[in-house]
Amino acid sequence: MKKAVLAATVLGAVLAGCSPFALNVRGYIYREESLDSAWRKVASQEYIRDFGEYWASPMEFESRGGGDCEDFAIALVYRLGKTAKSVCVRLPSGDFHEIVKYDGRYLEPQKFGMYYDKEDLTILWEISYDVTMLASTLWGAKTLGEDQPAEQDTCSIAFAG
């Protein structure tokens, strides 16, 4: 039975476009990098649109060479550590987007050195490091835990209402 589950997991990972070798089945090793180093590494990746809402783990993001806005935010939060948060916002254009809050500032994870002014953002919610890491699993963010409603797992819920 365990072999069948492992085979299904590897096959699912390959079909989802990520390397089965990037899977982090033992949990995340906590690490903290400098803002400059972390942001440069994350921003150097490619934007890859996903279909549906799938929150890739930092390892999947790096093994694929990129991801969508949530994946960039998760990877940057992971590299910055426990003081960073993933933030779902509505931009002045009306679009929904995932950015990162760190050291009191709002960072665009896809563009090194780009900050947002809080006054220009409509913040829908902020998600702590621990919950962000919990949400970025092999199969995406579906349940964030008892302290965070499942409806807040992604910015896409904002489109529904």
C-alpha atoms as a PDB file:
ATOM      1  CA  MET A   1       0.000   0.000   0.000  1.00  0.00           C
ATOM      2  CA  LYS A   2       2.823   2.446   0.863  1.00  0.00           C
ATOM      3  CA  LYS A   3       4.470   1.777  -2.507  1.00  0.00           C
ATOM      4  CA  ALA A   4       1.211   2.542  -4.316  1.00  0.00           C
ATOM      5  CA  VAL A   5       0.817   5.828  -2.439  1.00  0.00           C
ATOM      6  CA  LEU A   6       4.436   6.768  -3.194  1.00  0.00           C
ATOM      7  CA  ALA A   7       4.012   5.895  -6.877  1.00  0.00           C
ATOM      8  CA  ALA A   8       0.798   7.938  -7.068  1.00  0.00           C
ATOM      9  CA  THR A   9       2.530  10.869  -5.359  1.00  0.00           C
ATOM     10  CA  VAL A  10       5.478  10.806  -7.755  1.00  0.00           C
ATOM     11  CA  LEU A  11       3.195  10.450 -10.783  1.00  0.00           C
ATOM     12  CA  GLY A  12       0.984  13.277  -9.520  1.00  0.00           C
ATOM     13  CA  ALA A  13       4.007  15.490  -9.001  1.00  0.00           C
ATOM     14  CA  VAL A  14       5.290  14.826 -12.512  1.00  0.00           C
ATOM     15  CA  LEU A  15       1.850  15.485 -14.019  1.00  0.00           C
ATOM     16  CA  ALA A  16       1.582  18.710 -12.012  1.00  0.00           C
ATOM     17  CA  GLY A  17       4.823  19.862 -13.614  1.00  0.00           C
ATOM     18  CA  CYS A  18       7.141  19.547 -10.656  1.00  0.00           C
ATOM     19  CA  SER A  19       9.987  17.230  -9.966  1.00  0.00           C
ATOM     20  CA  PRO A  20       9.203  14.474  -7.474  1.00  0.00           C
ATOM     21  CA  PHE A  21      12.708  15.018  -6.139  1.00  0.00           C
ATOM     22  CA  ALA A  22      11.768  18.545  -5.058  1.00  0.00           C
ATOM     23  CA  LEU A  23       9.112  17.292  -2.679  1.00  0.00           C
ATOM     24  CA  ASN A  24       9.681  18.106   0.933  1.00  0.00           C
ATOM     25  CA  VAL A  25       8.040  15.224   2.761  1.00  0.00           C
ATOM     26  CA  ARG A  26       9.763  15.836   6.096  1.00  0.00           C
ATOM     27  CA  GLY A  27       8.797  19.463   6.547  1.00  0.00           C
ATOM     28  CA  TYR A  28      10.668  22.697   6.119  1.00  0.00           C
ATOM     29  CA  ILE A  29      14.084  23.454   7.518  1.00  0.00           C
ATOM     30  CA  TYR A  30      13.816  26.897   9.015  1.00  0.00           C
ATOM     31  CA  ARG A  31      16.174  29.363   7.452  1.00  0.00           C
ATOM     32  CA  GLU A  32      16.547  33.100   7.377  1.00  0.00           C
ATOM     33  CA  GLU A  33      18.397  34.986   4.669  1.00  0.00           C
ATOM     34  CA  SER A  34      19.162  38.632   4.228  1.00  0.00           C
ATOM     35  CA  LEU A  35      16.545  40.639   2.352  1.00  0.00           C
ATOM     36  CA  ASP A  36      18.931  41.376  -0.493  1.00  0.00           C
ATOM     37  CA  SER A  37      19.977  37.756  -1.009  1.00  0.00           C
ATOM     38  CA  ALA A  38      16.500  36.258  -0.641  1.00  0.00           C
ATOM     39  CA  TRP A  39      14.744  38.800  -2.829  1.00  0.00           C
ATOM     40  CA  ARG A  40      17.326  38.565  -5.635  1.00  0.00           C
ATOM     41  CA  LYS A  41      17.067  34.753  -5.724  1.00  0.00           C
ATOM     42  CA  VAL A  42      13.275  34.739  -5.801  1.00  0.00           C
ATOM     43  CA  ALA A  43      12.876  37.626  -8.263  1.00  0.00           C
ATOM     44  CA  SER A  44      15.261  35.942 -10.697  1.00  0.00           C
ATOM     45  CA  GLN A  45      12.730  33.162 -11.329  1.00  0.00           C
ATOM     46  CA  GLU A  46      10.248  33.109 -14.217  1.00  0.00           C
ATOM     47  CA  TYR A  47       6.528  33.887 -13.970  1.00  0.00           C
ATOM     48  CA  ILE A  48       4.632  30.696 -14.811  1.00  0.00           C
ATOM     49  CA  ARG A  49       0.836  30.862 -14.835  1.00  0.00           C
ATOM     50  CA  ASP A  50      -0.873  27.935 -13.187  1.00  0.00           C
ATOM     51  CA  PHE A  51      -4.310  26.593 -13.901  1.00  0.00           C
ATOM     52  CA  GLY A  52      -6.564  26.751 -10.883  1.00  0.00           C
ATOM     53  CA  GLU A  53      -5.014  27.672  -7.591  1.00  0.00           C
ATOM     54  CA  TYR A  54      -2.027  25.646  -6.555  1.00  0.00           C
ATOM     55  CA  TRP A  55       0.365  26.923  -3.907  1.00  0.00           C
ATOM     56  CA  ALA A  56       3.725  25.376  -4.725  1.00  0.00           C
ATOM     57  CA  SER A  57       6.204  24.714  -1.973  1.00  0.00           C
ATOM     58  CA  PRO A  58       9.421  26.748  -2.090  1.00  0.00           C
ATOM     59  CA  MET A  59      11.260  23.664  -3.341  1.00  0.00           C
ATOM     60  CA  GLU A  60       8.769  23.081  -6.151  1.00  0.00           C
ATOM     61  CA  PHE A  61       8.982  26.765  -7.111  1.00  0.00           C
ATOM     62  CA  GLU A  62      12.763  26.598  -7.353  1.00  0.00           C
ATOM     63  CA  SER A  63      12.859  23.238  -9.136  1.00  0.00           C
ATOM     64  CA  ARG A  64      10.371  24.517 -11.767  1.00  0.00           C
ATOM     65  CA  GLY A  65      12.263  27.770 -12.135  1.00  0.00           C
ATOM     66  CA  GLY A  66       9.276  29.904 -11.154  1.00  0.00           C
ATOM     67  CA  GLY A  67       5.556  30.061 -10.578  1.00  0.00           C
ATOM     68  CA  ASP A  68       2.684  32.500 -10.216  1.00  0.00           C
ATOM     69  CA  CYS A  69       2.336  35.355  -7.716  1.00  0.00           C
ATOM     70  CA  GLU A  70       1.480  33.119  -4.748  1.00  0.00           C
ATOM     71  CA  ASP A  71       4.476  30.916  -5.458  1.00  0.00           C
ATOM     72  CA  PHE A  72       6.821  33.923  -5.586  1.00  0.00           C
ATOM     73  CA  ALA A  73       5.410  35.193  -2.283  1.00  0.00           C
ATOM     74  CA  ILE A  74       5.703  31.801  -0.574  1.00  0.00           C
ATOM     75  CA  ALA A  75       9.302  31.376  -1.737  1.00  0.00           C
ATOM     76  CA  LEU A  76      10.252  34.843  -0.475  1.00  0.00           C
ATOM     77  CA  VAL A  77       8.501  34.354   2.868  1.00  0.00           C
ATOM     78  CA  TYR A  78      10.337  31.050   3.257  1.00  0.00           C
ATOM     79  CA  ARG A  79      13.738  32.624   2.608  1.00  0.00           C
ATOM     80  CA  LEU A  80      13.116  35.674   4.820  1.00  0.00           C
ATOM     81  CA  GLY A  81      11.861  33.680   7.798  1.00  0.00           C
ATOM     82  CA  LYS A  82       9.378  34.046  10.615  1.00  0.00           C
ATOM     83  CA  THR A  83       9.039  37.823  10.485  1.00  0.00           C
ATOM     84  CA  ALA A  84       7.789  37.722   6.877  1.00  0.00           C
ATOM     85  CA  LYS A  85       4.125  37.346   5.897  1.00  0.00           C
ATOM     86  CA  SER A  86       2.304  36.496   2.704  1.00  0.00           C
ATOM     87  CA  VAL A  87      -0.225  39.246   1.953  1.00  0.00           C
ATOM     88  CA  CYS A  88      -3.202  39.132  -0.400  1.00  0.00           C
ATOM     89  CA  VAL A  89      -4.001  42.588  -1.759  1.00  0.00           C
ATOM     90  CA  ARG A  90      -6.184  44.365  -4.217  1.00  0.00           C
ATOM     91  CA  LEU A  91      -3.974  46.652  -6.276  1.00  0.00           C
ATOM     92  CA  PRO A  92      -5.082  50.148  -7.383  1.00  0.00           C
ATOM     93  CA  SER A  93      -5.836  48.600 -10.799  1.00  0.00           C
ATOM     94  CA  GLY A  94      -8.409  46.338  -9.116  1.00  0.00           C
ATOM     95  CA  ASP A  95      -6.354  43.176  -9.642  1.00  0.00           C
ATOM     96  CA  PHE A  96      -5.739  40.725  -6.806  1.00  0.00           C
ATOM     97  CA  HIS A  97      -2.145  39.886  -6.039  1.00  0.00           C
ATOM     98  CA  GLU A  98       0.061  38.133  -3.496  1.00  0.00           C
ATOM     99  CA  ILE A  99       2.957  40.135  -2.070  1.00  0.00           C
ATOM    100  CA  VAL A 100       5.160  39.948   1.031  1.00  0.00           C
ATOM    101  CA  LYS A 101       5.239  42.050   4.185  1.00  0.00           C
ATOM    102  CA  TYR A 102       8.661  42.255   5.761  1.00  0.00           C
ATOM    103  CA  ASP A 103      10.098  44.725   8.231  1.00  0.00           C
ATOM    104  CA  GLY A 104       7.003  46.944   7.948  1.00  0.00           C
ATOM    105  CA  ARG A 105       7.241  47.232   4.150  1.00  0.00           C
ATOM    106  CA  TYR A 106       5.298  45.638   1.321  1.00  0.00           C
ATOM    107  CA  LEU A 107       7.548  43.939  -1.245  1.00  0.00           C
ATOM    108  CA  GLU A 108       6.826  42.806  -4.791  1.00  0.00           C
ATOM    109  CA  PRO A 109       8.456  39.370  -4.779  1.00  0.00           C
ATOM    110  CA  GLN A 110       8.669  39.232  -8.582  1.00  0.00           C
ATOM    111  CA  LYS A 111      10.663  42.469  -8.962  1.00  0.00           C
ATOM    112  CA  PHE A 112      13.741  43.045  -6.857  1.00  0.00           C
ATOM    113  CA  GLY A 113      13.646  46.443  -5.155  1.00  0.00           C
ATOM    114  CA  MET A 114       9.966  47.197  -5.815  1.00  0.00           C
ATOM    115  CA  TYR A 115       7.940  48.275  -2.791  1.00  0.00           C
ATOM    116  CA  TYR A 116       4.278  49.211  -2.491  1.00  0.00           C
ATOM    117  CA  ASP A 117       2.934  52.102  -0.446  1.00  0.00           C
ATOM    118  CA  LYS A 118       0.421  50.789   2.068  1.00  0.00           C
ATOM    119  CA  GLU A 119      -1.945  53.633   1.162  1.00  0.00           C
ATOM    120  CA  ASP A 120      -2.173  52.294  -2.402  1.00  0.00           C
ATOM    121  CA  LEU A 121      -3.152  48.779  -1.302  1.00  0.00           C
ATOM    122  CA  THR A 122      -6.337  47.213  -0.135  1.00  0.00           C
ATOM    123  CA  ILE A 123      -5.077  44.454   2.148  1.00  0.00           C
ATOM    124  CA  LEU A 124      -7.427  41.492   2.223  1.00  0.00           C
ATOM    125  CA  TRP A 125      -5.403  39.419   4.675  1.00  0.00           C
ATOM    126  CA  GLU A 126      -1.910  38.673   5.943  1.00  0.00           C
ATOM    127  CA  ILE A 127      -0.761  35.119   6.546  1.00  0.00           C
ATOM    128  CA  SER A 128       2.044  34.320   8.994  1.00  0.00           C
ATOM    129  CA  TYR A 129       5.184  32.403   8.081  1.00  0.00           C
ATOM    130  CA  ASP A 130       3.980  29.224   9.799  1.00  0.00           C
ATOM    131  CA  VAL A 131       0.582  29.228   8.104  1.00  0.00           C
ATOM    132  CA  THR A 132       2.147  30.114   4.748  1.00  0.00           C
ATOM    133  CA  MET A 133       4.477  27.126   5.049  1.00  0.00           C
ATOM    134  CA  LEU A 134       1.575  24.913   6.114  1.00  0.00           C
ATOM    135  CA  ALA A 135      -0.425  26.054   3.073  1.00  0.00           C
ATOM    136  CA  SER A 136       2.295  25.353   0.517  1.00  0.00           C
ATOM    137  CA  THR A 137       2.034  21.616   0.176  1.00  0.00           C
ATOM    138  CA  LEU A 138       2.381  19.132  -2.645  1.00  0.00           C
ATOM    139  CA  TRP A 139      -1.287  19.433  -3.542  1.00  0.00           C
ATOM    140  CA  GLY A 140      -1.680  23.150  -2.894  1.00  0.00           C
ATOM    141  CA  ALA A 141      -3.436  25.177  -0.242  1.00  0.00           C
ATOM    142  CA  LYS A 142      -6.740  23.675   0.679  1.00  0.00           C
ATOM    143  CA  THR A 143      -6.826  23.900   4.483  1.00  0.00           C
ATOM    144  CA  LEU A 144      -4.785  26.320   6.500  1.00  0.00           C
ATOM    145  CA  GLY A 145      -5.693  25.043   9.942  1.00  0.00           C
ATOM    146  CA  GLU A 146      -8.249  25.895  12.578  1.00  0.00           C
ATOM    147  CA  ASP A 147      -7.049  29.458  13.132  1.00  0.00           C
ATOM    148  CA  GLN A 148      -7.376  30.416   9.462  1.00  0.00           C
ATOM    149  CA  PRO A 149     -10.599  29.875   7.473  1.00  0.00           C
ATOM    150  CA  ALA A 150     -10.189  27.736   4.366  1.00  0.00           C
ATOM    151  CA  GLU A 151     -11.739  30.518   2.269  1.00  0.00           C
ATOM    152  CA  GLN A 152      -8.605  32.553   2.866  1.00  0.00           C
ATOM    153  CA  ASP A 153      -6.225  30.121   1.235  1.00  0.00           C
ATOM    154  CA  THR A 154      -5.818  32.202  -1.909  1.00  0.00           C
ATOM    155  CA  CYS A 155      -6.649  35.500  -3.537  1.00  0.00           C
ATOM    156  CA  SER A 156      -8.929  33.726  -6.014  1.00  0.00           C
ATOM    157  CA  ILE A 157     -11.689  33.591  -3.386  1.00  0.00           C
ATOM    158  CA  ALA A 158     -11.922  37.366  -3.654  1.00  0.00           C
ATOM    159  CA  PHE A 159     -13.180  36.988  -7.217  1.00  0.00           C
ATOM    160  CA  ALA A 160     -16.165  34.990  -5.982  1.00  0.00           C
ATOM    161  CA  GLY A 161     -17.502  37.644  -3.741  1.00  0.00           C
END
